[in-house]
Every structure is written in structure tokens, then in C-alpha cells.
N, C-alpha and C. Protein backbone atom coordinates (compact mmCIF):
# COMPACT_ATOMS: atom_id res chain seq x y z
N MET A 1 38.12 17.72 12.59
CA MET A 1 37.25 18.08 11.49
C MET A 1 36.93 16.87 10.61
N LYS A 2 37.96 16.05 10.33
CA LYS A 2 37.74 14.85 9.52
C LYS A 2 36.76 13.90 10.20
N CYS A 3 36.87 13.83 11.53
CA CYS A 3 35.98 12.96 12.30
C CYS A 3 34.54 13.43 12.17
N LEU A 4 34.30 14.72 12.23
CA LEU A 4 32.97 15.29 12.10
C LEU A 4 32.39 15.00 10.72
N ILE A 5 33.20 15.13 9.70
CA ILE A 5 32.76 14.84 8.33
C ILE A 5 32.38 13.36 8.20
N LYS A 6 33.17 12.49 8.77
CA LYS A 6 32.87 11.06 8.73
C LYS A 6 31.56 10.76 9.45
N ILE A 7 31.34 11.39 10.58
CA ILE A 7 30.11 11.19 11.34
C ILE A 7 28.91 11.66 10.53
N LEU A 8 29.01 12.87 9.94
CA LEU A 8 27.91 13.41 9.13
C LEU A 8 27.63 12.53 7.92
N LEU A 9 28.67 12.04 7.28
CA LEU A 9 28.52 11.17 6.12
C LEU A 9 27.83 9.87 6.53
N THR A 10 28.23 9.32 7.65
CA THR A 10 27.61 8.08 8.15
C THR A 10 26.14 8.30 8.46
N VAL A 11 25.82 9.41 9.12
CA VAL A 11 24.42 9.73 9.44
C VAL A 11 23.61 9.85 8.16
N CYS A 12 24.15 10.52 7.16
CA CYS A 12 23.44 10.68 5.88
C CYS A 12 23.21 9.34 5.20
N LEU A 13 24.21 8.50 5.17
CA LEU A 13 24.06 7.19 4.54
C LEU A 13 23.05 6.32 5.27
N VAL A 14 23.10 6.32 6.58
CA VAL A 14 22.14 5.54 7.37
C VAL A 14 20.72 6.07 7.16
N SER A 15 20.57 7.40 7.17
CA SER A 15 19.26 8.00 6.94
C SER A 15 18.72 7.65 5.56
N ALA A 16 19.56 7.69 4.55
CA ALA A 16 19.13 7.35 3.19
C ALA A 16 18.69 5.89 3.13
N GLY A 17 19.40 5.02 3.81
CA GLY A 17 19.02 3.60 3.85
C GLY A 17 17.69 3.39 4.53
N LEU A 18 17.47 4.11 5.63
CA LEU A 18 16.19 3.99 6.34
C LEU A 18 15.05 4.53 5.51
N LEU A 19 15.26 5.65 4.83
CA LEU A 19 14.21 6.21 4.00
C LEU A 19 13.86 5.29 2.84
N SER A 20 14.85 4.67 2.23
CA SER A 20 14.56 3.77 1.12
C SER A 20 13.77 2.57 1.62
N ALA A 21 14.04 2.11 2.83
CA ALA A 21 13.28 0.99 3.40
C ALA A 21 11.85 1.40 3.70
N VAL A 22 11.66 2.63 4.16
CA VAL A 22 10.33 3.11 4.48
C VAL A 22 9.46 3.17 3.22
N TYR A 23 10.05 3.58 2.12
CA TYR A 23 9.29 3.75 0.89
C TYR A 23 9.36 2.55 -0.05
N SER A 24 10.04 1.51 0.33
CA SER A 24 10.12 0.31 -0.48
C SER A 24 8.88 -0.53 -0.26
N GLN A 25 8.20 -0.87 -1.33
CA GLN A 25 6.97 -1.64 -1.22
C GLN A 25 7.20 -2.99 -0.56
N GLU A 26 8.33 -3.60 -0.86
CA GLU A 26 8.61 -4.92 -0.31
C GLU A 26 8.71 -4.89 1.21
N ASP A 27 9.13 -3.76 1.76
CA ASP A 27 9.29 -3.64 3.21
C ASP A 27 8.10 -2.94 3.87
N MET A 28 7.06 -2.67 3.10
CA MET A 28 5.91 -1.94 3.62
C MET A 28 5.28 -2.69 4.79
N VAL A 29 4.94 -1.96 5.84
CA VAL A 29 4.30 -2.58 7.00
C VAL A 29 2.91 -2.03 7.26
N GLN A 30 2.51 -1.00 6.53
CA GLN A 30 1.15 -0.49 6.65
C GLN A 30 0.78 0.18 5.33
N VAL A 31 -0.52 0.22 5.06
CA VAL A 31 -1.00 0.84 3.84
C VAL A 31 -0.85 2.35 3.96
N ASP A 32 -0.39 2.99 2.90
CA ASP A 32 -0.21 4.44 2.86
C ASP A 32 -1.58 5.11 2.86
N ASN A 33 -1.89 5.82 3.92
CA ASN A 33 -3.17 6.51 4.01
C ASN A 33 -3.03 8.01 3.86
N SER A 34 -1.93 8.46 3.32
CA SER A 34 -1.67 9.90 3.21
C SER A 34 -2.60 10.59 2.21
N GLY A 35 -3.33 9.85 1.40
CA GLY A 35 -4.23 10.45 0.43
C GLY A 35 -5.55 10.91 1.03
N PHE A 36 -5.79 10.58 2.29
CA PHE A 36 -7.05 10.95 2.92
C PHE A 36 -6.93 12.28 3.65
N GLU A 37 -7.97 13.10 3.56
CA GLU A 37 -7.97 14.40 4.24
C GLU A 37 -8.17 14.22 5.74
N ARG A 38 -9.14 13.40 6.12
CA ARG A 38 -9.42 13.13 7.54
C ARG A 38 -9.16 11.66 7.80
N ILE A 39 -8.28 11.37 8.71
CA ILE A 39 -7.96 9.99 9.05
C ILE A 39 -8.92 9.55 10.16
N ARG A 40 -9.75 8.57 9.87
CA ARG A 40 -10.73 8.10 10.85
C ARG A 40 -10.23 6.91 11.65
N ARG A 41 -9.38 6.12 11.04
CA ARG A 41 -8.85 4.92 11.68
C ARG A 41 -7.35 4.85 11.45
N PRO A 42 -6.65 4.06 12.25
CA PRO A 42 -5.22 3.87 11.98
C PRO A 42 -5.04 3.21 10.62
N PRO A 43 -3.89 3.41 9.98
CA PRO A 43 -3.66 2.75 8.68
C PRO A 43 -3.70 1.24 8.83
N SER A 44 -4.11 0.57 7.78
CA SER A 44 -4.16 -0.90 7.79
C SER A 44 -2.76 -1.46 7.94
N VAL A 45 -2.62 -2.41 8.84
CA VAL A 45 -1.35 -3.11 9.01
C VAL A 45 -1.23 -4.08 7.85
N PHE A 46 -0.10 -4.00 7.15
CA PHE A 46 0.04 -4.80 5.94
C PHE A 46 1.51 -5.01 5.63
N LYS A 47 1.99 -6.20 5.84
CA LYS A 47 3.37 -6.52 5.52
C LYS A 47 3.38 -7.14 4.12
N HIS A 48 3.75 -6.35 3.15
CA HIS A 48 3.63 -6.66 1.73
C HIS A 48 4.14 -8.05 1.37
N ASP A 49 5.41 -8.32 1.61
CA ASP A 49 5.98 -9.61 1.20
C ASP A 49 5.39 -10.78 1.98
N ASP A 50 5.18 -10.60 3.29
CA ASP A 50 4.58 -11.66 4.10
C ASP A 50 3.19 -12.00 3.58
N HIS A 51 2.41 -10.96 3.27
CA HIS A 51 1.06 -11.16 2.75
C HIS A 51 1.09 -11.95 1.44
N ASN A 52 1.92 -11.50 0.50
CA ASN A 52 1.95 -12.14 -0.81
C ASN A 52 2.44 -13.58 -0.74
N GLU A 53 3.37 -13.84 0.16
CA GLU A 53 3.85 -15.21 0.33
C GLU A 53 2.75 -16.10 0.91
N LYS A 54 2.09 -15.62 1.94
CA LYS A 54 1.02 -16.39 2.58
C LYS A 54 -0.15 -16.60 1.62
N ALA A 55 -0.48 -15.58 0.85
CA ALA A 55 -1.60 -15.66 -0.10
C ALA A 55 -1.20 -16.32 -1.41
N GLU A 56 0.08 -16.66 -1.53
CA GLU A 56 0.61 -17.28 -2.75
C GLU A 56 0.34 -16.44 -3.99
N LEU A 57 0.55 -15.13 -3.85
CA LEU A 57 0.37 -14.20 -4.97
C LEU A 57 1.69 -14.05 -5.70
N GLU A 58 1.68 -14.33 -6.98
CA GLU A 58 2.88 -14.24 -7.80
C GLU A 58 2.89 -12.99 -8.67
N GLU A 59 1.72 -12.62 -9.17
CA GLU A 59 1.61 -11.51 -10.11
C GLU A 59 1.23 -10.21 -9.39
N CYS A 60 1.99 -9.16 -9.61
CA CYS A 60 1.70 -7.86 -8.99
C CYS A 60 0.32 -7.35 -9.40
N SER A 61 -0.08 -7.65 -10.63
CA SER A 61 -1.35 -7.14 -11.15
C SER A 61 -2.56 -7.74 -10.43
N GLU A 62 -2.36 -8.76 -9.61
CA GLU A 62 -3.47 -9.29 -8.81
C GLU A 62 -4.05 -8.21 -7.92
N CYS A 63 -3.19 -7.38 -7.35
CA CYS A 63 -3.62 -6.29 -6.48
C CYS A 63 -3.46 -4.93 -7.15
N HIS A 64 -2.40 -4.79 -7.90
CA HIS A 64 -2.07 -3.52 -8.54
C HIS A 64 -2.61 -3.51 -9.96
N HIS A 65 -3.92 -3.36 -10.06
CA HIS A 65 -4.59 -3.40 -11.36
C HIS A 65 -4.39 -2.10 -12.13
N LEU A 66 -4.65 -2.19 -13.41
CA LEU A 66 -4.54 -1.02 -14.27
C LEU A 66 -5.68 -1.07 -15.28
N TYR A 67 -6.37 0.04 -15.40
CA TYR A 67 -7.49 0.15 -16.33
C TYR A 67 -7.18 1.19 -17.39
N GLU A 68 -7.75 0.97 -18.56
CA GLU A 68 -7.68 1.97 -19.63
C GLU A 68 -9.03 2.01 -20.31
N ASP A 69 -9.62 3.18 -20.37
CA ASP A 69 -10.97 3.36 -20.94
C ASP A 69 -11.97 2.41 -20.30
N GLY A 70 -11.87 2.24 -18.99
CA GLY A 70 -12.82 1.40 -18.25
C GLY A 70 -12.59 -0.09 -18.38
N GLN A 71 -11.56 -0.50 -19.10
CA GLN A 71 -11.29 -1.92 -19.31
C GLN A 71 -10.02 -2.33 -18.55
N LEU A 72 -10.11 -3.46 -17.84
CA LEU A 72 -8.95 -3.98 -17.12
C LEU A 72 -7.90 -4.43 -18.12
N LEU A 73 -6.68 -3.98 -17.92
CA LEU A 73 -5.57 -4.40 -18.77
C LEU A 73 -4.95 -5.63 -18.13
N GLU A 74 -5.22 -6.79 -18.68
CA GLU A 74 -4.74 -8.07 -18.14
C GLU A 74 -3.22 -8.10 -18.11
N GLY A 75 -2.68 -8.47 -16.97
CA GLY A 75 -1.24 -8.62 -16.84
C GLY A 75 -0.47 -7.32 -16.68
N GLU A 76 -1.15 -6.19 -16.81
CA GLU A 76 -0.50 -4.88 -16.63
C GLU A 76 -0.60 -4.50 -15.17
N SER A 77 0.43 -3.88 -14.65
CA SER A 77 0.49 -3.56 -13.23
C SER A 77 0.68 -2.07 -12.98
N SER A 78 0.08 -1.59 -11.90
CA SER A 78 0.23 -0.20 -11.48
C SER A 78 1.10 -0.11 -10.23
N GLU A 79 1.98 -1.09 -10.04
CA GLU A 79 2.78 -1.15 -8.82
C GLU A 79 3.69 0.04 -8.61
N ASP A 80 4.00 0.77 -9.66
CA ASP A 80 4.87 1.93 -9.52
C ASP A 80 4.09 3.20 -9.20
N GLN A 81 2.77 3.06 -8.96
CA GLN A 81 1.92 4.20 -8.64
C GLN A 81 1.28 4.00 -7.28
N ARG A 82 0.88 5.10 -6.66
CA ARG A 82 0.11 5.02 -5.43
C ARG A 82 -1.35 4.88 -5.81
N CYS A 83 -2.13 4.22 -4.98
CA CYS A 83 -3.56 4.05 -5.26
C CYS A 83 -4.24 5.40 -5.50
N GLY A 84 -3.84 6.40 -4.70
CA GLY A 84 -4.41 7.74 -4.82
C GLY A 84 -4.06 8.45 -6.11
N ASP A 85 -3.11 7.93 -6.88
CA ASP A 85 -2.80 8.54 -8.18
C ASP A 85 -3.96 8.37 -9.15
N CYS A 86 -4.71 7.28 -9.00
CA CYS A 86 -5.86 7.03 -9.88
C CYS A 86 -7.19 7.25 -9.17
N HIS A 87 -7.22 6.92 -7.89
CA HIS A 87 -8.46 7.01 -7.13
C HIS A 87 -8.46 8.26 -6.27
N GLY A 88 -9.39 9.18 -6.58
CA GLY A 88 -9.54 10.39 -5.77
C GLY A 88 -10.32 10.08 -4.50
N LEU A 89 -10.55 11.08 -3.70
CA LEU A 89 -11.31 10.86 -2.47
C LEU A 89 -12.76 10.51 -2.76
N GLU A 90 -13.28 11.02 -3.86
CA GLU A 90 -14.67 10.74 -4.24
C GLU A 90 -14.69 9.90 -5.52
N ALA A 91 -15.76 9.14 -5.69
CA ALA A 91 -15.94 8.34 -6.90
C ALA A 91 -16.07 9.26 -8.11
N GLU A 92 -15.56 8.79 -9.24
CA GLU A 92 -15.71 9.51 -10.50
C GLU A 92 -16.23 8.52 -11.52
N GLY A 93 -17.51 8.64 -11.86
CA GLY A 93 -18.11 7.69 -12.79
C GLY A 93 -18.11 6.30 -12.17
N LYS A 94 -17.57 5.33 -12.89
CA LYS A 94 -17.49 3.96 -12.38
C LYS A 94 -16.27 3.73 -11.50
N GLN A 95 -15.36 4.69 -11.47
CA GLN A 95 -14.14 4.56 -10.69
C GLN A 95 -14.43 4.91 -9.23
N PRO A 96 -14.23 3.93 -8.32
CA PRO A 96 -14.53 4.20 -6.91
C PRO A 96 -13.53 5.17 -6.29
N GLY A 97 -14.00 5.86 -5.25
CA GLY A 97 -13.11 6.72 -4.48
C GLY A 97 -12.06 5.87 -3.76
N LEU A 98 -11.08 6.53 -3.19
CA LEU A 98 -9.93 5.84 -2.61
C LEU A 98 -10.31 4.84 -1.52
N MET A 99 -11.16 5.24 -0.56
CA MET A 99 -11.51 4.32 0.52
C MET A 99 -12.25 3.10 -0.02
N LYS A 100 -13.19 3.32 -0.90
CA LYS A 100 -13.94 2.20 -1.47
C LYS A 100 -13.03 1.31 -2.31
N ALA A 101 -12.08 1.91 -3.01
CA ALA A 101 -11.15 1.13 -3.82
C ALA A 101 -10.31 0.21 -2.95
N PHE A 102 -9.80 0.73 -1.83
CA PHE A 102 -9.05 -0.11 -0.89
C PHE A 102 -9.93 -1.26 -0.40
N HIS A 103 -11.12 -0.93 0.05
CA HIS A 103 -11.99 -1.96 0.60
C HIS A 103 -12.43 -2.98 -0.44
N MET A 104 -12.75 -2.53 -1.64
CA MET A 104 -13.15 -3.47 -2.69
C MET A 104 -11.99 -4.40 -3.05
N ASN A 105 -10.80 -3.84 -3.16
CA ASN A 105 -9.64 -4.63 -3.58
C ASN A 105 -9.20 -5.59 -2.48
N CYS A 106 -8.97 -5.08 -1.30
CA CYS A 106 -8.43 -5.90 -0.20
C CYS A 106 -9.50 -6.77 0.45
N LYS A 107 -10.50 -6.13 1.00
CA LYS A 107 -11.56 -6.86 1.70
C LYS A 107 -12.33 -7.76 0.72
N GLY A 108 -12.54 -7.25 -0.49
CA GLY A 108 -13.24 -8.05 -1.51
C GLY A 108 -12.50 -9.34 -1.81
N CYS A 109 -11.18 -9.28 -1.91
CA CYS A 109 -10.38 -10.48 -2.16
C CYS A 109 -10.44 -11.42 -0.96
N HIS A 110 -10.36 -10.87 0.25
CA HIS A 110 -10.43 -11.70 1.45
C HIS A 110 -11.75 -12.46 1.52
N ILE A 111 -12.84 -11.78 1.19
CA ILE A 111 -14.16 -12.43 1.20
C ILE A 111 -14.21 -13.51 0.12
N LYS A 112 -13.76 -13.18 -1.07
CA LYS A 112 -13.77 -14.13 -2.19
C LYS A 112 -12.93 -15.38 -1.88
N GLN A 113 -11.78 -15.19 -1.25
CA GLN A 113 -10.87 -16.30 -0.96
C GLN A 113 -11.19 -17.00 0.37
N HIS A 114 -12.15 -16.46 1.11
CA HIS A 114 -12.49 -16.99 2.44
C HIS A 114 -11.24 -17.04 3.33
N ALA A 115 -10.43 -15.99 3.24
CA ALA A 115 -9.20 -15.91 4.02
C ALA A 115 -8.84 -14.45 4.23
N GLY A 116 -8.26 -14.16 5.37
CA GLY A 116 -7.82 -12.80 5.66
C GLY A 116 -8.86 -12.02 6.42
N PRO A 117 -8.45 -10.90 6.97
CA PRO A 117 -9.35 -10.09 7.79
C PRO A 117 -10.41 -9.37 6.96
N VAL A 118 -11.59 -9.21 7.56
CA VAL A 118 -12.67 -8.47 6.90
C VAL A 118 -13.34 -7.45 7.82
N MET A 119 -13.11 -7.58 9.11
CA MET A 119 -13.69 -6.63 10.06
C MET A 119 -12.74 -5.43 10.22
N CYS A 120 -13.30 -4.26 10.48
CA CYS A 120 -12.51 -3.03 10.55
C CYS A 120 -11.28 -3.16 11.45
N GLY A 121 -11.48 -3.59 12.68
CA GLY A 121 -10.41 -3.65 13.65
C GLY A 121 -9.35 -4.71 13.36
N GLU A 122 -9.64 -5.61 12.43
CA GLU A 122 -8.65 -6.62 12.06
C GLU A 122 -7.57 -6.03 11.15
N CYS A 123 -7.92 -5.04 10.37
CA CYS A 123 -6.95 -4.39 9.48
C CYS A 123 -6.43 -3.10 10.11
N HIS A 124 -7.35 -2.33 10.65
CA HIS A 124 -7.02 -1.03 11.23
C HIS A 124 -6.77 -1.21 12.72
N ARG A 125 -5.59 -1.72 13.05
CA ARG A 125 -5.26 -2.02 14.44
C ARG A 125 -4.58 -0.83 15.12
N LYS A 126 -5.01 -0.58 16.32
CA LYS A 126 -4.38 0.48 17.11
C LYS A 126 -3.03 0.00 17.58
N ARG A 127 -2.07 0.89 17.55
CA ARG A 127 -0.71 0.55 18.01
C ARG A 127 -0.65 0.61 19.52
N GLY A 128 0.31 -0.15 20.05
CA GLY A 128 0.60 -0.02 21.46
C GLY A 128 -0.10 -1.00 22.26
């Protein structure tokens, strides 16, 4: 009986560790696309820390922007929120919908910096 309890406890601890890694932004390997009703393409492959190191990004607010009353809050970060928390599936006023927000933020930066993928299949890669 003690052996079974130890095994169950070990499984629980390992599972908790794996789940925390899955939901940890630093270990993220793809963009969370769970906010979309219909998935048209595979999620964008995105290794958070590798990307930021290669792009020499120091400030979270570079990507994780925060607005209040339509004004960008300089130096403020939305890193503790999902993009879908602010961006719905459809645009609302000047606020772009979720898909456009991803593309404007990610692809827009890549175009501006003349670095990184900009074609659909470069970000949305099929597995296997």
C-alpha cells in the first residue's frame, strides 16, 4: 500500500511539473490559439526565450503592450494576460480582433526589423 501511495504521489508531482512547464511563458513553444473558434492553420511555432534572446528584446512591453483609453501605456506590460483577454475574435472600434492583433504585433515587428518570418508557412508550420 505504501508503495502505491509513493507511486501516485510521484505521478502527481511529475504531472504538476509538466503542466507548469506547458503553461510557463518562458518555456512556450507555440502561440496559444485556443481563443479561435475555427482553427485554419497550425499554431505559430514560437520559442519565447529563444526568440527574445535572438531579437535582443529586454522589455516585456515590447510585445506585451497595454492600452488604457486608446493610449499606449509606456513601460506597462500585459504579460500576465492572454492576448484573447483584450482582443476578441472581431475588431471593436480601433482595437483589432485577435488574428489581426497577432499579425500586426508579430509580423509587423518582423517587417519593421527586416528580420524573422513573414510568410504564413514560416510561422504556421505543420508538424511531422
